[in-house]
N, C-alpha and C. Protein backbone atom coordinates (compact mmCIF):
# COMPACT_ATOMS: atom_id res chain seq x y z
N UNK A 1 86.14 105.62 74.76
CA UNK A 1 87.48 105.44 75.31
C UNK A 1 87.83 103.96 75.29
N UNK A 2 89.04 103.68 74.90
CA UNK A 2 89.52 102.31 74.89
C UNK A 2 89.68 101.83 76.33
N UNK A 3 89.15 100.63 76.60
CA UNK A 3 89.22 100.08 77.96
C UNK A 3 90.66 99.90 78.43
N UNK A 4 91.55 99.38 77.54
CA UNK A 4 92.95 99.17 77.90
C UNK A 4 93.64 100.49 78.23
N UNK A 5 93.44 101.50 77.38
CA UNK A 5 94.06 102.80 77.62
C UNK A 5 93.50 103.45 78.88
N UNK A 6 92.21 103.30 79.09
CA UNK A 6 91.59 103.87 80.29
C UNK A 6 92.12 103.20 81.54
N UNK A 7 92.22 101.88 81.53
CA UNK A 7 92.73 101.15 82.69
C UNK A 7 94.17 101.55 82.98
N UNK A 8 94.99 101.64 81.96
CA UNK A 8 96.39 102.04 82.15
C UNK A 8 96.46 103.45 82.71
N UNK A 9 95.65 104.36 82.18
CA UNK A 9 95.63 105.74 82.68
C UNK A 9 95.19 105.78 84.14
N UNK A 10 94.22 104.94 84.52
CA UNK A 10 93.77 104.91 85.92
C UNK A 10 94.87 104.42 86.84
N UNK A 11 95.65 103.44 86.39
CA UNK A 11 96.76 102.93 87.19
C UNK A 11 97.81 104.02 87.41
N UNK A 12 98.15 104.74 86.35
CA UNK A 12 99.15 105.80 86.45
C UNK A 12 98.61 106.95 87.30
N UNK A 13 97.35 107.29 87.12
CA UNK A 13 96.73 108.36 87.92
C UNK A 13 96.76 108.02 89.40
N UNK A 14 96.44 106.78 89.75
CA UNK A 14 96.45 106.37 91.16
C UNK A 14 97.87 106.48 91.74
N UNK A 15 98.86 106.12 90.94
CA UNK A 15 100.26 106.15 91.40
C UNK A 15 100.73 107.57 91.69
N UNK A 16 100.28 108.55 90.87
CA UNK A 16 100.79 109.92 90.97
C UNK A 16 99.79 110.92 91.53
N UNK A 17 98.63 110.46 91.97
CA UNK A 17 97.58 111.37 92.41
C UNK A 17 98.03 112.30 93.53
N UNK A 18 98.70 111.77 94.55
CA UNK A 18 99.15 112.61 95.67
C UNK A 18 100.11 113.69 95.20
N UNK A 19 101.03 113.34 94.32
CA UNK A 19 101.99 114.32 93.80
C UNK A 19 101.26 115.41 93.03
N UNK A 20 100.34 115.02 92.16
CA UNK A 20 99.61 116.01 91.37
C UNK A 20 98.75 116.91 92.26
N UNK A 21 98.10 116.32 93.26
CA UNK A 21 97.24 117.11 94.15
C UNK A 21 98.04 118.09 95.01
N UNK A 22 99.34 117.86 95.16
CA UNK A 22 100.16 118.74 95.99
C UNK A 22 100.55 120.02 95.25
N UNK A 23 100.31 120.08 93.95
CA UNK A 23 100.70 121.25 93.16
C UNK A 23 99.71 122.40 93.38
N UNK A 24 100.20 123.64 93.30
CA UNK A 24 99.31 124.79 93.46
C UNK A 24 98.20 124.79 92.41
N UNK A 25 97.02 125.23 92.81
CA UNK A 25 95.84 125.41 91.95
C UNK A 25 95.13 124.12 91.58
N UNK A 26 95.71 122.96 91.90
CA UNK A 26 95.07 121.69 91.54
C UNK A 26 93.91 121.43 92.50
N UNK A 27 92.73 121.15 91.92
CA UNK A 27 91.52 120.90 92.69
C UNK A 27 91.09 119.43 92.62
N UNK A 28 91.56 118.71 91.61
CA UNK A 28 91.18 117.32 91.46
C UNK A 28 91.96 116.66 90.34
N UNK A 29 91.94 115.33 90.35
CA UNK A 29 92.65 114.54 89.34
C UNK A 29 91.75 113.37 88.96
N UNK A 30 91.67 113.08 87.67
CA UNK A 30 90.88 111.95 87.20
C UNK A 30 91.37 111.49 85.85
N UNK A 31 90.63 110.58 85.26
CA UNK A 31 90.94 110.09 83.92
C UNK A 31 89.77 110.43 83.02
N UNK A 32 90.07 110.95 81.86
CA UNK A 32 89.02 111.31 80.92
C UNK A 32 89.61 111.58 79.55
N UNK A 33 88.83 112.24 78.73
CA UNK A 33 89.29 112.60 77.39
C UNK A 33 89.98 113.95 77.42
N UNK A 34 91.09 114.04 76.72
CA UNK A 34 91.82 115.31 76.61
C UNK A 34 90.99 116.28 75.78
N UNK A 35 91.25 117.55 75.99
CA UNK A 35 90.59 118.59 75.19
C UNK A 35 91.65 119.36 74.42
N UNK A 36 91.25 119.86 73.27
CA UNK A 36 92.09 120.76 72.48
C UNK A 36 91.17 121.83 71.93
N UNK A 37 91.51 123.09 72.19
CA UNK A 37 90.69 124.18 71.71
C UNK A 37 89.28 124.14 72.26
N UNK A 38 89.13 123.64 73.48
CA UNK A 38 87.82 123.58 74.10
C UNK A 38 86.95 122.41 73.65
N UNK A 39 87.47 121.55 72.79
CA UNK A 39 86.72 120.40 72.29
C UNK A 39 87.37 119.10 72.77
N UNK A 40 86.54 118.13 73.13
CA UNK A 40 87.07 116.84 73.53
C UNK A 40 87.67 116.12 72.33
N UNK A 41 88.76 115.40 72.60
CA UNK A 41 89.40 114.56 71.58
C UNK A 41 89.10 113.11 71.94
N UNK A 42 89.66 112.18 71.21
CA UNK A 42 89.49 110.77 71.56
C UNK A 42 90.70 110.24 72.32
N UNK A 43 91.56 111.13 72.79
CA UNK A 43 92.78 110.74 73.51
C UNK A 43 92.51 110.63 75.01
N UNK A 44 92.78 109.45 75.56
CA UNK A 44 92.65 109.23 77.00
C UNK A 44 93.80 109.93 77.70
N UNK A 45 93.48 110.66 78.76
CA UNK A 45 94.50 111.43 79.48
C UNK A 45 94.21 111.43 80.97
N UNK A 46 95.23 111.78 81.73
CA UNK A 46 95.03 112.11 83.14
C UNK A 46 94.59 113.57 83.14
N UNK A 47 93.39 113.81 83.62
CA UNK A 47 92.83 115.16 83.64
C UNK A 47 93.13 115.77 85.00
N UNK A 48 93.85 116.89 84.97
CA UNK A 48 94.16 117.62 86.19
C UNK A 48 93.28 118.87 86.19
N UNK A 49 92.38 118.94 87.17
CA UNK A 49 91.44 120.05 87.27
C UNK A 49 92.03 121.14 88.15
N UNK A 50 92.09 122.35 87.62
CA UNK A 50 92.67 123.47 88.35
C UNK A 50 91.65 124.58 88.51
N UNK A 51 91.90 125.45 89.51
CA UNK A 51 91.00 126.60 89.70
C UNK A 51 91.29 127.69 88.69
N UNK A 52 92.54 127.74 88.20
CA UNK A 52 92.91 128.68 87.14
C UNK A 52 94.21 128.21 86.51
N UNK A 53 94.41 128.53 85.25
CA UNK A 53 95.69 128.24 84.59
C UNK A 53 96.61 129.42 84.83
N UNK A 54 97.84 129.11 85.20
CA UNK A 54 98.85 130.11 85.50
C UNK A 54 99.97 129.95 84.47
N UNK A 55 100.44 131.04 83.87
CA UNK A 55 101.55 130.92 82.92
C UNK A 55 102.76 130.23 83.55
N UNK A 56 103.43 129.39 82.78
CA UNK A 56 104.57 128.63 83.30
C UNK A 56 105.63 129.53 83.92
N UNK A 57 105.85 130.72 83.33
CA UNK A 57 106.90 131.59 83.87
C UNK A 57 106.53 132.18 85.23
N UNK A 58 105.28 131.97 85.67
CA UNK A 58 104.87 132.43 87.00
C UNK A 58 104.85 131.30 88.03
N UNK A 59 105.28 130.12 87.61
CA UNK A 59 105.34 128.98 88.52
C UNK A 59 106.79 128.57 88.74
N UNK A 60 107.10 128.21 89.98
CA UNK A 60 108.43 127.65 90.25
C UNK A 60 108.54 126.31 89.53
N UNK A 61 109.73 125.94 89.10
CA UNK A 61 109.89 124.67 88.36
C UNK A 61 109.26 123.47 89.08
N UNK A 62 109.38 123.40 90.40
CA UNK A 62 108.83 122.27 91.15
C UNK A 62 107.30 122.29 91.23
N UNK A 63 106.68 123.43 90.88
CA UNK A 63 105.22 123.54 90.93
C UNK A 63 104.57 123.28 89.57
N UNK A 64 105.36 123.10 88.54
CA UNK A 64 104.82 122.87 87.20
C UNK A 64 104.32 121.44 87.06
N UNK A 65 103.26 121.26 86.29
CA UNK A 65 102.73 119.93 86.02
C UNK A 65 103.48 119.33 84.83
N UNK A 66 103.73 118.03 84.86
CA UNK A 66 104.40 117.41 83.71
C UNK A 66 103.44 117.34 82.52
N UNK A 67 104.00 117.19 81.32
CA UNK A 67 103.19 117.02 80.12
C UNK A 67 102.61 115.61 80.03
N UNK A 68 103.32 114.66 80.64
CA UNK A 68 102.87 113.27 80.63
C UNK A 68 103.51 112.54 81.81
N UNK A 69 102.90 111.42 82.16
CA UNK A 69 103.43 110.53 83.19
C UNK A 69 103.38 109.11 82.65
N UNK A 70 104.53 108.47 82.57
CA UNK A 70 104.63 107.09 82.08
C UNK A 70 103.91 106.92 80.74
N UNK A 71 104.04 107.93 79.87
CA UNK A 71 103.46 107.85 78.54
C UNK A 71 102.00 108.26 78.45
N UNK A 72 101.37 108.56 79.57
CA UNK A 72 99.97 109.00 79.58
C UNK A 72 99.97 110.53 79.60
N UNK A 73 99.32 111.17 78.62
CA UNK A 73 99.33 112.63 78.59
C UNK A 73 98.56 113.23 79.77
N UNK A 74 99.01 114.42 80.19
CA UNK A 74 98.33 115.20 81.22
C UNK A 74 97.56 116.30 80.51
N UNK A 75 96.28 116.43 80.83
CA UNK A 75 95.46 117.50 80.27
C UNK A 75 94.97 118.38 81.42
N UNK A 76 95.40 119.63 81.44
CA UNK A 76 95.00 120.56 82.49
C UNK A 76 93.72 121.25 82.05
N UNK A 77 92.67 121.15 82.88
CA UNK A 77 91.38 121.75 82.56
C UNK A 77 90.95 122.64 83.71
N UNK A 78 90.52 123.86 83.37
CA UNK A 78 90.05 124.80 84.38
C UNK A 78 88.64 124.41 84.81
N UNK A 79 88.47 124.18 86.10
CA UNK A 79 87.17 123.78 86.65
C UNK A 79 86.70 124.74 87.74
N UNK A 80 87.51 125.72 88.09
CA UNK A 80 87.13 126.60 89.19
C UNK A 80 87.47 125.95 90.52
N UNK A 81 86.83 126.41 91.57
CA UNK A 81 87.10 125.92 92.91
C UNK A 81 85.96 125.02 93.38
N UNK A 82 86.29 123.86 93.95
CA UNK A 82 85.30 122.95 94.49
C UNK A 82 85.19 123.15 95.99
N UNK A 83 83.98 122.99 96.52
CA UNK A 83 83.79 122.99 97.96
C UNK A 83 82.54 122.22 98.28
N UNK A 84 82.48 121.69 99.49
CA UNK A 84 81.31 120.92 99.94
C UNK A 84 80.42 121.83 100.78
N UNK A 85 79.14 121.59 100.69
CA UNK A 85 78.20 122.38 101.50
C UNK A 85 77.52 121.51 102.51
């Protein structure tokens, strides 16, 4: 990962983390490599971890995640549910 792209993505992620975490099914937010077809790419993205992917037509417009924030792509990845023991 490019240090400049990673740093910029971290800045944008920090700015929008609360908004992203407020969306249904979101379990976490971080910065990492985007995936396509289950394979990692070399594209730095804001990774939004969800418990399940829901079809867009089943989400209210205000509950949908953006495709990008300030030019940084959003990559939604299914991670299941997190809990502490």
